[in-house]
PDB file of N, CA and C in Angstrom:
ATOM      1  N   MET A   1      15.636 -26.416   2.995  1.00  0.00           N
ATOM      2  CA  MET A   1      15.880 -26.201   4.342  1.00  0.00           C
ATOM      3  C   MET A   1      14.630 -25.482   5.038  1.00  0.00           C
ATOM      4  N   LYS A   2      13.947 -26.229   6.028  1.00  0.00           N
ATOM      5  CA  LYS A   2      12.673 -25.688   6.487  1.00  0.00           C
ATOM      6  C   LYS A   2      13.135 -24.856   7.775  1.00  0.00           C
ATOM      7  N   GLU A   3      12.634 -23.697   7.915  1.00  0.00           N
ATOM      8  CA  GLU A   3      12.974 -22.732   9.048  1.00  0.00           C
ATOM      9  C   GLU A   3      11.754 -22.772   9.900  1.00  0.00           C
ATOM     10  N   ASN A   4      12.044 -22.980  11.228  1.00  0.00           N
ATOM     11  CA  ASN A   4      10.930 -22.932  12.233  1.00  0.00           C
ATOM     12  C   ASN A   4      10.896 -21.464  12.863  1.00  0.00           C
ATOM     13  N   LYS A   5       9.676 -20.960  13.043  1.00  0.00           N
ATOM     14  CA  LYS A   5       9.548 -19.795  13.657  1.00  0.00           C
ATOM     15  C   LYS A   5      10.190 -19.649  15.049  1.00  0.00           C
ATOM     16  N   SER A   6      10.134 -20.732  15.854  1.00  0.00           N
ATOM     17  CA  SER A   6      10.719 -20.743  17.157  1.00  0.00           C
ATOM     18  C   SER A   6      12.182 -20.604  17.112  1.00  0.00           C
ATOM     19  N   THR A   7      12.791 -21.059  16.098  1.00  0.00           N
ATOM     20  CA  THR A   7      14.352 -21.060  16.054  1.00  0.00           C
ATOM     21  C   THR A   7      14.704 -19.653  15.568  1.00  0.00           C
ATOM     22  N   LYS A   8      13.937 -18.862  15.022  1.00  0.00           N
ATOM     23  CA  LYS A   8      14.293 -17.465  14.505  1.00  0.00           C
ATOM     24  C   LYS A   8      14.338 -16.517  15.749  1.00  0.00           C
ATOM     25  N   PRO A   9      15.370 -15.700  15.617  1.00  0.00           N
ATOM     26  CA  PRO A   9      15.531 -14.663  16.603  1.00  0.00           C
ATOM     27  C   PRO A   9      14.401 -13.704  16.692  1.00  0.00           C
ATOM     28  N   ALA A  10      14.219 -13.086  17.909  1.00  0.00           N
ATOM     29  CA  ALA A  10      13.056 -12.123  17.918  1.00  0.00           C
ATOM     30  C   ALA A  10      13.274 -10.942  16.991  1.00  0.00           C
ATOM     31  N   GLY A  11      14.573 -10.532  16.836  1.00  0.00           N
ATOM     32  CA  GLY A  11      14.829  -9.498  15.913  1.00  0.00           C
ATOM     33  C   GLY A  11      14.361  -9.656  14.566  1.00  0.00           C
ATOM     34  N   ASP A  12      14.591 -10.833  14.012  1.00  0.00           N
ATOM     35  CA  ASP A  12      14.095 -11.166  12.670  1.00  0.00           C
ATOM     36  C   ASP A  12      12.466 -11.062  12.559  1.00  0.00           C
ATOM     37  N   ARG A  13      11.842 -11.630  13.549  1.00  0.00           N
ATOM     38  CA  ARG A  13      10.358 -11.422  13.582  1.00  0.00           C
ATOM     39  C   ARG A  13       9.950 -10.028  13.720  1.00  0.00           C
ATOM     40  N   GLU A  14      10.643  -9.180  14.447  1.00  0.00           N
ATOM     41  CA  GLU A  14      10.219  -7.750  14.524  1.00  0.00           C
ATOM     42  C   GLU A  14      10.498  -7.094  13.252  1.00  0.00           C
ATOM     43  N   GLU A  15      11.558  -7.405  12.675  1.00  0.00           N
ATOM     44  CA  GLU A  15      11.884  -6.827  11.267  1.00  0.00           C
ATOM     45  C   GLU A  15      10.958  -7.149  10.262  1.00  0.00           C
ATOM     46  N   ALA A  16      10.509  -8.359  10.258  1.00  0.00           N
ATOM     47  CA  ALA A  16       9.492  -8.991   9.291  1.00  0.00           C
ATOM     48  C   ALA A  16       8.198  -8.224   9.502  1.00  0.00           C
ATOM     49  N   TYR A  17       7.843  -8.040  10.740  1.00  0.00           N
ATOM     50  CA  TYR A  17       6.587  -7.315  11.193  1.00  0.00           C
ATOM     51  C   TYR A  17       6.656  -5.820  10.787  1.00  0.00           C
ATOM     52  N   ARG A  18       7.776  -5.248  10.886  1.00  0.00           N
ATOM     53  CA  ARG A  18       7.949  -3.914  10.442  1.00  0.00           C
ATOM     54  C   ARG A  18       7.734  -3.741   9.070  1.00  0.00           C
ATOM     55  N   LEU A  19       8.465  -4.658   8.368  1.00  0.00           N
ATOM     56  CA  LEU A  19       8.377  -4.675   6.900  1.00  0.00           C
ATOM     57  C   LEU A  19       7.001  -4.909   6.347  1.00  0.00           C
ATOM     58  N   ALA A  20       6.199  -5.765   6.946  1.00  0.00           N
ATOM     59  CA  ALA A  20       4.878  -6.034   6.538  1.00  0.00           C
ATOM     60  C   ALA A  20       4.007  -4.919   6.784  1.00  0.00           C
ATOM     61  N   LYS A  21       4.242  -4.157   7.886  1.00  0.00           N
ATOM     62  CA  LYS A  21       3.482  -2.951   8.113  1.00  0.00           C
ATOM     63  C   LYS A  21       3.770  -1.932   7.137  1.00  0.00           C
ATOM     64  N   LEU A  22       4.909  -1.735   6.755  1.00  0.00           N
ATOM     65  CA  LEU A  22       5.444  -0.779   5.757  1.00  0.00           C
ATOM     66  C   LEU A  22       4.746  -1.044   4.442  1.00  0.00           C
ATOM     67  N   LEU A  23       4.729  -2.332   4.077  1.00  0.00           N
ATOM     68  CA  LEU A  23       4.232  -2.727   2.740  1.00  0.00           C
ATOM     69  C   LEU A  23       2.610  -2.447   2.775  1.00  0.00           C
ATOM     70  N   ARG A  24       2.004  -2.734   3.853  1.00  0.00           N
ATOM     71  CA  ARG A  24       0.700  -2.573   3.979  1.00  0.00           C
ATOM     72  C   ARG A  24       0.265  -1.121   3.793  1.00  0.00           C
ATOM     73  N   THR A  25       1.068  -0.217   4.507  1.00  0.00           N
ATOM     74  CA  THR A  25       0.757   1.173   4.412  1.00  0.00           C
ATOM     75  C   THR A  25       1.045   1.764   3.015  1.00  0.00           C
ATOM     76  N   GLY A  26       2.095   1.153   2.381  1.00  0.00           N
ATOM     77  CA  GLY A  26       2.491   1.584   0.956  1.00  0.00           C
ATOM     78  C   GLY A  26       1.425   1.142   0.050  1.00  0.00           C
ATOM     79  N   SER A  27       0.877  -0.014   0.277  1.00  0.00           N
ATOM     80  CA  SER A  27      -0.149  -0.404  -0.743  1.00  0.00           C
ATOM     81  C   SER A  27      -1.428   0.439  -0.608  1.00  0.00           C
ATOM     82  N   ARG A  28      -1.678   0.843   0.696  1.00  0.00           N
ATOM     83  CA  ARG A  28      -2.879   1.740   0.918  1.00  0.00           C
ATOM     84  C   ARG A  28      -2.684   3.035   0.252  1.00  0.00           C
ATOM     85  N   GLU A  29      -1.437   3.602   0.335  1.00  0.00           N
ATOM     86  CA  GLU A  29      -1.167   4.853  -0.174  1.00  0.00           C
ATOM     87  C   GLU A  29      -1.343   4.793  -1.736  1.00  0.00           C
ATOM     88  N   LEU A  30      -0.761   3.700  -2.246  1.00  0.00           N
ATOM     89  CA  LEU A  30      -0.892   3.394  -3.807  1.00  0.00           C
ATOM     90  C   LEU A  30      -2.430   3.358  -4.139  1.00  0.00           C
ATOM     91  N   ALA A  31      -3.121   2.597  -3.397  1.00  0.00           N
ATOM     92  CA  ALA A  31      -4.602   2.503  -3.771  1.00  0.00           C
ATOM     93  C   ALA A  31      -5.145   3.911  -3.673  1.00  0.00           C
ATOM     94  N   ARG A  32      -4.903   4.836  -2.724  1.00  0.00           N
ATOM     95  CA  ARG A  32      -5.501   6.083  -2.658  1.00  0.00           C
ATOM     96  C   ARG A  32      -5.087   6.973  -3.819  1.00  0.00           C
ATOM     97  N   GLN A  33      -3.855   6.860  -4.291  1.00  0.00           N
ATOM     98  CA  GLN A  33      -3.392   7.642  -5.456  1.00  0.00           C
ATOM     99  C   GLN A  33      -4.209   7.031  -6.683  1.00  0.00           C
ATOM    100  N   LEU A  34      -4.344   5.759  -6.839  1.00  0.00           N
ATOM    101  CA  LEU A  34      -5.047   5.256  -8.004  1.00  0.00           C
ATOM    102  C   LEU A  34      -6.618   5.720  -8.068  1.00  0.00           C
ATOM    103  N   ASN A  35      -7.074   5.751  -6.770  1.00  0.00           N
ATOM    104  CA  ASN A  35      -8.525   6.228  -6.614  1.00  0.00           C
ATOM    105  C   ASN A  35      -8.628   7.746  -7.059  1.00  0.00           C
ATOM    106  N   THR A  36      -7.581   8.611  -6.651  1.00  0.00           N
ATOM    107  CA  THR A  36      -7.693   9.975  -6.971  1.00  0.00           C
ATOM    108  C   THR A  36      -7.592  10.206  -8.444  1.00  0.00           C
ATOM    109  N   LYS A  37      -6.698   9.323  -9.143  1.00  0.00           N
ATOM    110  CA  LYS A  37      -6.587   9.324 -10.677  1.00  0.00           C
ATOM    111  C   LYS A  37      -7.886   9.049 -11.268  1.00  0.00           C
ATOM    112  N   LYS A  38      -8.506   7.954 -10.753  1.00  0.00           N
ATOM    113  CA  LYS A  38      -9.863   7.592 -11.251  1.00  0.00           C
ATOM    114  C   LYS A  38     -10.807   8.684 -11.210  1.00  0.00           C
ATOM    115  N   ALA A  39     -10.942   9.268  -9.984  1.00  0.00           N
ATOM    116  CA  ALA A  39     -11.864  10.285  -9.714  1.00  0.00           C
ATOM    117  C   ALA A  39     -11.592  11.503 -10.679  1.00  0.00           C
ATOM    118  N   ARG A  40     -10.328  11.803 -10.941  1.00  0.00           N
ATOM    119  CA  ARG A  40      -9.880  12.889 -11.838  1.00  0.00           C
ATOM    120  C   ARG A  40     -10.402  12.582 -13.333  1.00  0.00           C
ATOM    121  N   LYS A  41     -10.319  11.236 -13.746  1.00  0.00           N
ATOM    122  CA  LYS A  41     -10.776  10.954 -14.976  1.00  0.00           C
ATOM    123  C   LYS A  41     -12.215  11.025 -15.215  1.00  0.00           C
ATOM    124  N   GLN A  42     -12.941  10.625 -14.230  1.00  0.00           N
ATOM    125  CA  GLN A  42     -14.377  10.495 -14.195  1.00  0.00           C
ATOM    126  C   GLN A  42     -15.029  12.065 -14.501  1.00  0.00           C
ATOM    127  N   ARG A  43     -14.280  13.024 -14.005  1.00  0.00           N
ATOM    128  CA  ARG A  43     -14.753  14.362 -13.964  1.00  0.00           C
ATOM    129  C   ARG A  43     -15.021  14.989 -15.323  1.00  0.00           C
TER     130      ARG A  43
END
């Protein structure tokens, strides 16, 4: 079943956008933690 974006309610799109934003910030936070771990190891 192919779903069209135009048939999707605005609420779903908003939810997906919020989820993507959350995921992006989460991955950034994760990357920062990894970087700090690397820096600690190098010292």
